[in-house]
Amino acid sequence: MEIRLASAEKQAFRDAAEVAGIPLSAWARERLRRAAVRELEEAARPIPFLS
């Protein structure tokens, strides 16, 4: 997966990952998983990575 970010966004994400004490990739993956679960549950859709 590739994603385009403004430099300020990327820095904010790096900072948040540092505060959480995890690498940026792990931070992004965890947050994307949370968002996917929330949105798919709201749409009553299956969540493939929870099967």
C-alpha atoms as a PDB file:
ATOM      1  CA  MET A   1       0.000   0.000   0.000  1.00  0.00           C
ATOM      2  CA  GLU A   2       1.251   3.471  -0.823  1.00  0.00           C
ATOM      3  CA  ILE A   3      -0.158   6.659   0.597  1.00  0.00           C
ATOM      4  CA  ARG A   4       0.596  10.287  -0.176  1.00  0.00           C
ATOM      5  CA  LEU A   5       0.882  12.609   2.787  1.00  0.00           C
ATOM      6  CA  ALA A   6       1.678  16.219   3.356  1.00  0.00           C
ATOM      7  CA  SER A   7       4.965  16.572   5.218  1.00  0.00           C
ATOM      8  CA  ALA A   8       3.133  17.980   8.249  1.00  0.00           C
ATOM      9  CA  GLU A   9       0.810  14.960   8.317  1.00  0.00           C
ATOM     10  CA  LYS A  10       3.718  12.540   8.121  1.00  0.00           C
ATOM     11  CA  GLN A  11       5.520  14.334  10.938  1.00  0.00           C
ATOM     12  CA  ALA A  12       2.395  14.279  13.101  1.00  0.00           C
ATOM     13  CA  PHE A  13       2.032  10.539  12.473  1.00  0.00           C
ATOM     14  CA  ARG A  14       5.705   9.970  13.338  1.00  0.00           C
ATOM     15  CA  ASP A  15       5.258  11.986  16.521  1.00  0.00           C
ATOM     16  CA  ALA A  16       2.144  10.018  17.489  1.00  0.00           C
ATOM     17  CA  ALA A  17       3.944   6.721  16.862  1.00  0.00           C
ATOM     18  CA  GLU A  18       6.830   7.901  19.027  1.00  0.00           C
ATOM     19  CA  VAL A  19       4.432   8.834  21.837  1.00  0.00           C
ATOM     20  CA  ALA A  20       2.844   5.372  21.515  1.00  0.00           C
ATOM     21  CA  GLY A  21       6.303   3.803  21.634  1.00  0.00           C
ATOM     22  CA  ILE A  22       5.916   1.850  18.406  1.00  0.00           C
ATOM     23  CA  PRO A  23       7.284   2.115  14.853  1.00  0.00           C
ATOM     24  CA  LEU A  24       5.358   4.302  12.430  1.00  0.00           C
ATOM     25  CA  SER A  25       4.301   1.314  10.301  1.00  0.00           C
ATOM     26  CA  ALA A  26       2.851  -0.482  13.332  1.00  0.00           C
ATOM     27  CA  TRP A  27       1.093   2.698  14.450  1.00  0.00           C
ATOM     28  CA  ALA A  28      -0.470   3.216  11.016  1.00  0.00           C
ATOM     29  CA  ARG A  29      -1.491  -0.451  10.689  1.00  0.00           C
ATOM     30  CA  GLU A  30      -3.171  -0.469  14.110  1.00  0.00           C
ATOM     31  CA  ARG A  31      -5.069   2.755  13.413  1.00  0.00           C
ATOM     32  CA  LEU A  32      -6.167   1.576   9.950  1.00  0.00           C
ATOM     33  CA  ARG A  33      -7.378  -1.725  11.418  1.00  0.00           C
ATOM     34  CA  ARG A  34      -9.426   0.131  14.063  1.00  0.00           C
ATOM     35  CA  ALA A  35     -10.981   2.395  11.428  1.00  0.00           C
ATOM     36  CA  ALA A  36     -11.761  -0.564   9.157  1.00  0.00           C
ATOM     37  CA  VAL A  37     -13.435  -2.506  11.967  1.00  0.00           C
ATOM     38  CA  ARG A  38     -15.553   0.497  12.965  1.00  0.00           C
ATOM     39  CA  GLU A  39     -16.673   1.315   9.428  1.00  0.00           C
ATOM     40  CA  LEU A  40     -17.313  -2.292   8.388  1.00  0.00           C
ATOM     41  CA  GLU A  41     -19.277  -3.009  11.570  1.00  0.00           C
ATOM     42  CA  GLU A  42     -21.411   0.100  10.952  1.00  0.00           C
ATOM     43  CA  ALA A  43     -22.094  -1.158   7.424  1.00  0.00           C
ATOM     44  CA  ALA A  44     -22.818  -4.706   8.673  1.00  0.00           C
ATOM     45  CA  ARG A  45     -20.040  -6.017   6.436  1.00  0.00           C
ATOM     46  CA  PRO A  46     -17.636  -8.866   7.197  1.00  0.00           C
ATOM     47  CA  ILE A  47     -14.168  -8.036   8.475  1.00  0.00           C
ATOM     48  CA  PRO A  48     -11.787 -10.347   6.602  1.00  0.00           C
ATOM     49  CA  PHE A  49      -8.836 -10.032   8.994  1.00  0.00           C
ATOM     50  CA  LEU A  50     -10.961 -11.050  11.991  1.00  0.00           C
ATOM     51  CA  SER A  51     -12.078 -14.352  10.455  1.00  0.00           C
END
